[in-house]
Amino acid sequence: GKSTLLKILSSVLKPTTGNATIKGKLV
């Protein structure tokens, strides 16, 4: 899931559940 995690952080993919924030911005 390494590439999948990076794709979520770059907003290419959406996670099934949960969220990620970078510097306070929801991605």
PDB file of all heavy atoms in Angstrom:
ATOM      1  N   GLY A   1       0.780  -1.230   0.000  1.00  0.00           N
ATOM      2  CA  GLY A   1       0.000   0.000   0.000  1.00  0.00           C
ATOM      3  C   GLY A   1       0.814   1.283   0.000  1.00  0.00           C
ATOM      4  O   GLY A   1       0.264   2.361   0.212  1.00  0.00           O
ATOM      5  N   LYS A   2       2.099   1.204  -0.248  1.00  0.00           N
ATOM      6  CA  LYS A   2       2.948   2.408  -0.242  1.00  0.00           C
ATOM      7  C   LYS A   2       2.481   3.423  -1.290  1.00  0.00           C
ATOM      8  O   LYS A   2       2.257   4.591  -0.970  1.00  0.00           O
ATOM      9  CB  LYS A   2       4.407   2.027  -0.494  1.00  0.00           C
ATOM     10  CG  LYS A   2       5.000   1.043   0.497  1.00  0.00           C
ATOM     11  CD  LYS A   2       6.423   0.648   0.152  1.00  0.00           C
ATOM     12  CE  LYS A   2       6.565  -0.034  -1.183  1.00  0.00           C
ATOM     13  NZ  LYS A   2       6.048  -1.400  -1.273  1.00  0.00           N
ATOM     14  N   SER A   3       2.340   2.974  -2.522  1.00  0.00           N
ATOM     15  CA  SER A   3       1.916   3.875  -3.601  1.00  0.00           C
ATOM     16  C   SER A   3       0.487   4.356  -3.383  1.00  0.00           C
ATOM     17  O   SER A   3       0.166   5.511  -3.663  1.00  0.00           O
ATOM     18  CB  SER A   3       2.013   3.178  -4.957  1.00  0.00           C
ATOM     19  OG  SER A   3       3.352   2.874  -5.252  1.00  0.00           O
ATOM     20  N   THR A   4      -0.351   3.496  -2.862  1.00  0.00           N
ATOM     21  CA  THR A   4      -1.742   3.875  -2.580  1.00  0.00           C
ATOM     22  C   THR A   4      -1.792   4.990  -1.548  1.00  0.00           C
ATOM     23  O   THR A   4      -2.544   5.962  -1.696  1.00  0.00           O
ATOM     24  CB  THR A   4      -2.546   2.652  -2.097  1.00  0.00           C
ATOM     25  OG1 THR A   4      -2.509   1.650  -3.117  1.00  0.00           O
ATOM     26  CG2 THR A   4      -3.984   3.019  -1.794  1.00  0.00           C
ATOM     27  N   LEU A   5      -0.994   4.894  -0.499  1.00  0.00           N
ATOM     28  CA  LEU A   5      -0.942   5.951   0.512  1.00  0.00           C
ATOM     29  C   LEU A   5      -0.496   7.268  -0.111  1.00  0.00           C
ATOM     30  O   LEU A   5      -1.088   8.321   0.150  1.00  0.00           O
ATOM     31  CB  LEU A   5      -0.010   5.552   1.653  1.00  0.00           C
ATOM     32  CG  LEU A   5       0.152   6.582   2.761  1.00  0.00           C
ATOM     33  CD1 LEU A   5      -1.184   6.898   3.428  1.00  0.00           C
ATOM     34  CD2 LEU A   5       1.160   6.099   3.793  1.00  0.00           C
ATOM     35  N   LEU A   6       0.526   7.237  -0.954  1.00  0.00           N
ATOM     36  CA  LEU A   6       0.992   8.458  -1.607  1.00  0.00           C
ATOM     37  C   LEU A   6      -0.068   9.036  -2.551  1.00  0.00           C
ATOM     38  O   LEU A   6      -0.213  10.255  -2.655  1.00  0.00           O
ATOM     39  CB  LEU A   6       2.300   8.199  -2.351  1.00  0.00           C
ATOM     40  CG  LEU A   6       3.495   7.860  -1.459  1.00  0.00           C
ATOM     41  CD1 LEU A   6       4.701   7.485  -2.301  1.00  0.00           C
ATOM     42  CD2 LEU A   6       3.815   8.995  -0.518  1.00  0.00           C
ATOM     43  N   LYS A   7      -0.826   8.180  -3.217  1.00  0.00           N
ATOM     44  CA  LYS A   7      -1.903   8.655  -4.090  1.00  0.00           C
ATOM     45  C   LYS A   7      -3.015   9.310  -3.279  1.00  0.00           C
ATOM     46  O   LYS A   7      -3.610  10.297  -3.715  1.00  0.00           O
ATOM     47  CB  LYS A   7      -2.463   7.505  -4.920  1.00  0.00           C
ATOM     48  CG  LYS A   7      -1.518   7.051  -6.013  1.00  0.00           C
ATOM     49  CD  LYS A   7      -2.059   5.853  -6.762  1.00  0.00           C
ATOM     50  CE  LYS A   7      -1.051   5.359  -7.776  1.00  0.00           C
ATOM     51  NZ  LYS A   7      -1.516   4.146  -8.468  1.00  0.00           N
ATOM     52  N   ILE A   8      -3.289   8.804  -2.091  1.00  0.00           N
ATOM     53  CA  ILE A   8      -4.286   9.440  -1.216  1.00  0.00           C
ATOM     54  C   ILE A   8      -3.786  10.809  -0.780  1.00  0.00           C
ATOM     55  O   ILE A   8      -4.529  11.794  -0.805  1.00  0.00           O
ATOM     56  CB  ILE A   8      -4.599   8.539  -0.007  1.00  0.00           C
ATOM     57  CG1 ILE A   8      -5.388   7.315  -0.469  1.00  0.00           C
ATOM     58  CG2 ILE A   8      -5.373   9.307   1.061  1.00  0.00           C
ATOM     59  CD1 ILE A   8      -5.532   6.234   0.581  1.00  0.00           C
ATOM     60  N   LEU A   9      -2.518  10.897  -0.405  1.00  0.00           N
ATOM     61  CA  LEU A   9      -1.959  12.177   0.035  1.00  0.00           C
ATOM     62  C   LEU A   9      -1.914  13.207  -1.072  1.00  0.00           C
ATOM     63  O   LEU A   9      -1.962  14.413  -0.811  1.00  0.00           O
ATOM     64  CB  LEU A   9      -0.559  11.966   0.623  1.00  0.00           C
ATOM     65  CG  LEU A   9      -0.507  11.132   1.902  1.00  0.00           C
ATOM     66  CD1 LEU A   9       0.932  10.933   2.346  1.00  0.00           C
ATOM     67  CD2 LEU A   9      -1.334  11.763   2.999  1.00  0.00           C
ATOM     68  N   SER A  10      -1.843  12.759  -2.315  1.00  0.00           N
ATOM     69  CA  SER A  10      -1.834  13.691  -3.444  1.00  0.00           C
ATOM     70  C   SER A  10      -3.222  13.864  -4.053  1.00  0.00           C
ATOM     71  O   SER A  10      -3.366  14.460  -5.119  1.00  0.00           O
ATOM     72  CB  SER A  10      -0.835  13.228  -4.505  1.00  0.00           C
ATOM     73  OG  SER A  10      -1.224  11.982  -5.030  1.00  0.00           O
ATOM     74  N   SER A  11      -4.252  13.336  -3.395  1.00  0.00           N
ATOM     75  CA  SER A  11      -5.664  13.461  -3.807  1.00  0.00           C
ATOM     76  C   SER A  11      -5.990  12.767  -5.125  1.00  0.00           C
ATOM     77  O   SER A  11      -6.973  13.105  -5.775  1.00  0.00           O
ATOM     78  CB  SER A  11      -6.100  14.927  -3.867  1.00  0.00           C
ATOM     79  OG  SER A  11      -5.972  15.525  -2.602  1.00  0.00           O
ATOM     80  N   VAL A  12      -5.185  11.799  -5.524  1.00  0.00           N
ATOM     81  CA  VAL A  12      -5.479  11.018  -6.724  1.00  0.00           C
ATOM     82  C   VAL A  12      -6.516   9.950  -6.396  1.00  0.00           C
ATOM     83  O   VAL A  12      -7.393   9.667  -7.208  1.00  0.00           O
ATOM     84  CB  VAL A  12      -4.186  10.380  -7.295  1.00  0.00           C
ATOM     85  CG1 VAL A  12      -4.496   9.416  -8.421  1.00  0.00           C
ATOM     86  CG2 VAL A  12      -3.242  11.465  -7.761  1.00  0.00           C
ATOM     87  N   LEU A  13      -6.435   9.363  -5.203  1.00  0.00           N
ATOM     88  CA  LEU A  13      -7.392   8.364  -4.726  1.00  0.00           C
ATOM     89  C   LEU A  13      -8.060   8.856  -3.455  1.00  0.00           C
ATOM     90  O   LEU A  13      -7.472   9.651  -2.710  1.00  0.00           O
ATOM     91  CB  LEU A  13      -6.683   7.043  -4.403  1.00  0.00           C
ATOM     92  CG  LEU A  13      -6.209   6.177  -5.535  1.00  0.00           C
ATOM     93  CD1 LEU A  13      -5.455   4.966  -4.980  1.00  0.00           C
ATOM     94  CD2 LEU A  13      -7.364   5.700  -6.387  1.00  0.00           C
ATOM     95  N   LYS A  14      -9.249   8.346  -3.197  1.00  0.00           N
ATOM     96  CA  LYS A  14      -9.935   8.637  -1.937  1.00  0.00           C
ATOM     97  C   LYS A  14      -9.903   7.374  -1.081  1.00  0.00           C
ATOM     98  O   LYS A  14     -10.075   6.266  -1.601  1.00  0.00           O
ATOM     99  CB  LYS A  14     -11.376   9.054  -2.188  1.00  0.00           C
ATOM    100  CG  LYS A  14     -11.483  10.392  -2.860  1.00  0.00           C
ATOM    101  CD  LYS A  14     -12.902  10.914  -2.788  1.00  0.00           C
ATOM    102  CE  LYS A  14     -12.934  12.288  -3.409  1.00  0.00           C
ATOM    103  NZ  LYS A  14     -13.398  13.286  -2.498  1.00  0.00           N
ATOM    104  N   PRO A  15      -9.702   7.529   0.215  1.00  0.00           N
ATOM    105  CA  PRO A  15      -9.697   6.355   1.092  1.00  0.00           C
ATOM    106  C   PRO A  15     -11.109   5.807   1.274  1.00  0.00           C
ATOM    107  O   PRO A  15     -12.102   6.518   1.068  1.00  0.00           O
ATOM    108  CB  PRO A  15      -9.143   6.900   2.403  1.00  0.00           C
ATOM    109  CG  PRO A  15      -9.529   8.339   2.398  1.00  0.00           C
ATOM    110  CD  PRO A  15      -9.464   8.762   0.957  1.00  0.00           C
ATOM    111  N   THR A  16     -11.200   4.558   1.682  1.00  0.00           N
ATOM    112  CA  THR A  16     -12.495   3.956   1.991  1.00  0.00           C
ATOM    113  C   THR A  16     -13.082   4.626   3.228  1.00  0.00           C
ATOM    114  O   THR A  16     -14.257   4.987   3.243  1.00  0.00           O
ATOM    115  CB  THR A  16     -12.338   2.441   2.221  1.00  0.00           C
ATOM    116  OG1 THR A  16     -11.709   1.869   1.071  1.00  0.00           O
ATOM    117  CG2 THR A  16     -13.681   1.780   2.439  1.00  0.00           C
ATOM    118  N   THR A  17     -12.265   4.794   4.267  1.00  0.00           N
ATOM    119  CA  THR A  17     -12.676   5.507   5.487  1.00  0.00           C
ATOM    120  C   THR A  17     -11.492   6.305   6.005  1.00  0.00           C
ATOM    121  O   THR A  17     -10.354   6.084   5.607  1.00  0.00           O
ATOM    122  CB  THR A  17     -13.147   4.545   6.602  1.00  0.00           C
ATOM    123  OG1 THR A  17     -12.060   3.689   6.956  1.00  0.00           O
ATOM    124  CG2 THR A  17     -14.338   3.715   6.175  1.00  0.00           C
ATOM    125  N   GLY A  18     -11.757   7.216   6.920  1.00  0.00           N
ATOM    126  CA  GLY A  18     -10.720   8.016   7.554  1.00  0.00           C
ATOM    127  C   GLY A  18     -10.390   9.266   6.772  1.00  0.00           C
ATOM    128  O   GLY A  18     -11.049   9.586   5.775  1.00  0.00           O
ATOM    129  N   ASN A  19      -9.390   9.989   7.260  1.00  0.00           N
ATOM    130  CA  ASN A  19      -8.994  11.209   6.576  1.00  0.00           C
ATOM    131  C   ASN A  19      -7.524  11.510   6.770  1.00  0.00           C
ATOM    132  O   ASN A  19      -6.872  10.957   7.636  1.00  0.00           O
ATOM    133  CB  ASN A  19      -9.859  12.397   7.015  1.00  0.00           C
ATOM    134  CG  ASN A  19      -9.779  12.654   8.488  1.00  0.00           C
ATOM    135  OD1 ASN A  19      -8.712  12.804   9.047  1.00  0.00           O
ATOM    136  ND2 ASN A  19     -10.924  12.717   9.146  1.00  0.00           N
ATOM    137  N   ALA A  20      -7.043  12.389   5.930  1.00  0.00           N
ATOM    138  CA  ALA A  20      -5.660  12.854   5.977  1.00  0.00           C
ATOM    139  C   ALA A  20      -5.668  14.365   5.887  1.00  0.00           C
ATOM    140  O   ALA A  20      -6.415  14.941   5.094  1.00  0.00           O
ATOM    141  CB  ALA A  20      -4.855  12.257   4.833  1.00  0.00           C
ATOM    142  N   THR A  21      -4.865  15.010   6.704  1.00  0.00           N
ATOM    143  CA  THR A  21      -4.712  16.465   6.634  1.00  0.00           C
ATOM    144  C   THR A  21      -3.232  16.799   6.503  1.00  0.00           C
ATOM    145  O   THR A  21      -2.389  16.176   7.143  1.00  0.00           O
ATOM    146  CB  THR A  21      -5.296  17.182   7.859  1.00  0.00           C
ATOM    147  OG1 THR A  21      -4.705  16.663   9.051  1.00  0.00           O
ATOM    148  CG2 THR A  21      -6.793  17.023   7.948  1.00  0.00           C
ATOM    149  N   ILE A  22      -2.956  17.767   5.645  1.00  0.00           N
ATOM    150  CA  ILE A  22      -1.599  18.274   5.478  1.00  0.00           C
ATOM    151  C   ILE A  22      -1.640  19.757   5.793  1.00  0.00           C
ATOM    152  O   ILE A  22      -2.363  20.512   5.144  1.00  0.00           O
ATOM    153  CB  ILE A  22      -1.073  18.035   4.049  1.00  0.00           C
ATOM    154  CG1 ILE A  22      -1.040  16.544   3.730  1.00  0.00           C
ATOM    155  CG2 ILE A  22       0.297  18.660   3.884  1.00  0.00           C
ATOM    156  CD1 ILE A  22      -0.651  16.215   2.298  1.00  0.00           C
ATOM    157  N   LYS A  23      -0.887  20.150   6.812  1.00  0.00           N
ATOM    158  CA  LYS A  23      -0.864  21.545   7.275  1.00  0.00           C
ATOM    159  C   LYS A  23      -2.262  22.087   7.483  1.00  0.00           C
ATOM    160  O   LYS A  23      -2.590  23.210   7.098  1.00  0.00           O
ATOM    161  CB  LYS A  23      -0.082  22.422   6.301  1.00  0.00           C
ATOM    162  CG  LYS A  23       1.379  22.091   6.223  1.00  0.00           C
ATOM    163  CD  LYS A  23       2.123  23.037   5.314  1.00  0.00           C
ATOM    164  CE  LYS A  23       3.584  22.658   5.247  1.00  0.00           C
ATOM    165  NZ  LYS A  23       4.339  23.530   4.359  1.00  0.00           N
ATOM    166  N   GLY A  24      -3.140  21.274   8.076  1.00  0.00           N
ATOM    167  CA  GLY A  24      -4.499  21.692   8.406  1.00  0.00           C
ATOM    168  C   GLY A  24      -5.497  21.593   7.280  1.00  0.00           C
ATOM    169  O   GLY A  24      -6.676  21.828   7.465  1.00  0.00           O
ATOM    170  N   LYS A  25      -5.050  21.236   6.067  1.00  0.00           N
ATOM    171  CA  LYS A  25      -5.944  21.136   4.919  1.00  0.00           C
ATOM    172  C   LYS A  25      -6.330  19.669   4.689  1.00  0.00           C
ATOM    173  O   LYS A  25      -5.463  18.812   4.527  1.00  0.00           O
ATOM    174  CB  LYS A  25      -5.262  21.691   3.663  1.00  0.00           C
ATOM    175  CG  LYS A  25      -6.132  21.638   2.435  1.00  0.00           C
ATOM    176  CD  LYS A  25      -5.399  22.164   1.221  1.00  0.00           C
ATOM    177  CE  LYS A  25      -6.253  21.959  -0.012  1.00  0.00           C
ATOM    178  NZ  LYS A  25      -5.507  22.197  -1.237  1.00  0.00           N
ATOM    179  N   LEU A  26      -7.619  19.381   4.682  1.00  0.00           N
ATOM    180  CA  LEU A  26      -8.124  18.042   4.467  1.00  0.00           C
ATOM    181  C   LEU A  26      -7.869  17.618   3.035  1.00  0.00           C
ATOM    182  O   LEU A  26      -8.218  18.327   2.091  1.00  0.00           O
ATOM    183  CB  LEU A  26      -9.629  18.000   4.767  1.00  0.00           C
ATOM    184  CG  LEU A  26     -10.288  16.638   4.795  1.00  0.00           C
ATOM    185  CD1 LEU A  26      -9.740  15.796   5.936  1.00  0.00           C
ATOM    186  CD2 LEU A  26     -11.796  16.795   4.959  1.00  0.00           C
ATOM    187  N   VAL A  27      -7.226  16.456   2.842  1.00  0.00           N
ATOM    188  CA  VAL A  27      -6.939  15.995   1.483  1.00  0.00           C
ATOM    189  C   VAL A  27      -7.804  14.812   1.089  1.00  0.00           C
ATOM    190  O   VAL A  27      -7.744  14.366  -0.044  1.00  0.00           O
ATOM    191  CB  VAL A  27      -5.437  15.626   1.300  1.00  0.00           C
ATOM    192  CG1 VAL A  27      -4.580  16.847   1.393  1.00  0.00           C
ATOM    193  CG2 VAL A  27      -5.006  14.542   2.258  1.00  0.00           C
TER     194      VAL A  27
END
